[in-house]
Amino acid sequence: MKQSTTIEERSELKDKTAGIKEMISYLIIYIP
């Protein structure tokens, strides 16, 4: 296992978390 994470991997992780946050916000908005 390599400990160091590349910039690409970090940005990918950010994209994933951003997508999850977006989904959650949509659920909060559309489901009463």
N, C-alpha and C. Protein backbone atom coordinates (compact mmCIF):
# COMPACT_ATOMS: atom_id res chain seq x y z
N MET A 1 0.84 -1.21 0.00
CA MET A 1 0.00 0.00 0.00
C MET A 1 0.87 1.25 0.00
N LYS A 2 0.62 2.14 -0.96
CA LYS A 2 1.38 3.38 -0.92
C LYS A 2 0.63 4.43 -0.11
N GLN A 3 1.39 5.14 0.68
CA GLN A 3 0.82 6.11 1.60
C GLN A 3 0.49 7.42 0.89
N SER A 4 1.33 7.78 -0.09
CA SER A 4 1.17 9.08 -0.74
C SER A 4 0.01 9.06 -1.73
N THR A 5 -0.80 10.10 -1.68
CA THR A 5 -1.90 10.23 -2.63
C THR A 5 -1.55 11.31 -3.65
N THR A 6 -1.81 11.01 -4.90
CA THR A 6 -1.50 11.98 -5.95
C THR A 6 -2.57 13.07 -6.00
N ILE A 7 -2.25 14.15 -6.67
CA ILE A 7 -3.20 15.26 -6.80
C ILE A 7 -4.46 14.78 -7.51
N GLU A 8 -4.28 13.95 -8.53
CA GLU A 8 -5.43 13.44 -9.28
C GLU A 8 -6.37 12.66 -8.37
N GLU A 9 -5.80 11.81 -7.53
CA GLU A 9 -6.63 11.02 -6.62
C GLU A 9 -7.39 11.94 -5.67
N ARG A 10 -6.72 12.98 -5.20
CA ARG A 10 -7.38 13.91 -4.27
C ARG A 10 -8.53 14.62 -4.95
N SER A 11 -8.32 15.09 -6.18
CA SER A 11 -9.39 15.81 -6.88
C SER A 11 -10.56 14.86 -7.16
N GLU A 12 -10.23 13.60 -7.45
CA GLU A 12 -11.29 12.61 -7.69
C GLU A 12 -12.12 12.44 -6.42
N LEU A 13 -11.45 12.35 -5.28
CA LEU A 13 -12.14 12.20 -4.01
C LEU A 13 -13.03 13.42 -3.76
N LYS A 14 -12.51 14.61 -4.06
CA LYS A 14 -13.30 15.84 -3.89
C LYS A 14 -14.55 15.77 -4.75
N ASP A 15 -14.39 15.32 -6.00
CA ASP A 15 -15.54 15.23 -6.91
C ASP A 15 -16.59 14.29 -6.32
N LYS A 16 -16.13 13.16 -5.78
CA LYS A 16 -17.07 12.18 -5.22
C LYS A 16 -17.83 12.79 -4.04
N THR A 17 -17.11 13.43 -3.12
CA THR A 17 -17.77 14.00 -1.95
C THR A 17 -18.71 15.13 -2.36
N ALA A 18 -18.31 15.91 -3.37
CA ALA A 18 -19.16 16.99 -3.86
C ALA A 18 -20.45 16.42 -4.44
N GLY A 19 -20.33 15.35 -5.21
CA GLY A 19 -21.50 14.70 -5.79
C GLY A 19 -22.44 14.19 -4.71
N ILE A 20 -21.87 13.59 -3.67
CA ILE A 20 -22.68 13.07 -2.56
C ILE A 20 -23.42 14.22 -1.88
N LYS A 21 -22.70 15.32 -1.63
CA LYS A 21 -23.32 16.48 -0.99
C LYS A 21 -24.45 17.02 -1.85
N GLU A 22 -24.23 17.07 -3.17
CA GLU A 22 -25.28 17.54 -4.08
C GLU A 22 -26.51 16.66 -3.97
N MET A 23 -26.31 15.33 -4.00
CA MET A 23 -27.42 14.40 -3.91
C MET A 23 -28.20 14.62 -2.62
N ILE A 24 -27.47 14.80 -1.51
CA ILE A 24 -28.13 15.00 -0.22
C ILE A 24 -28.95 16.28 -0.24
N SER A 25 -28.37 17.35 -0.80
CA SER A 25 -29.09 18.62 -0.83
C SER A 25 -30.35 18.48 -1.69
N TYR A 26 -30.26 17.76 -2.80
CA TYR A 26 -31.44 17.53 -3.64
C TYR A 26 -32.51 16.78 -2.84
N LEU A 27 -32.09 15.75 -2.11
CA LEU A 27 -33.05 14.98 -1.32
C LEU A 27 -33.73 15.88 -0.30
N ILE A 28 -32.95 16.74 0.36
CA ILE A 28 -33.51 17.63 1.37
C ILE A 28 -34.52 18.59 0.73
N ILE A 29 -34.20 19.07 -0.47
CA ILE A 29 -35.07 20.03 -1.14
C ILE A 29 -36.37 19.36 -1.60
N TYR A 30 -36.25 18.20 -2.23
CA TYR A 30 -37.40 17.63 -2.93
C TYR A 30 -38.25 16.72 -2.06
N ILE A 31 -37.67 16.16 -1.00
CA ILE A 31 -38.46 15.27 -0.13
C ILE A 31 -38.84 16.05 1.13
N PRO A 32 -40.12 16.28 1.34
CA PRO A 32 -40.58 17.08 2.48
C PRO A 32 -40.38 16.36 3.81
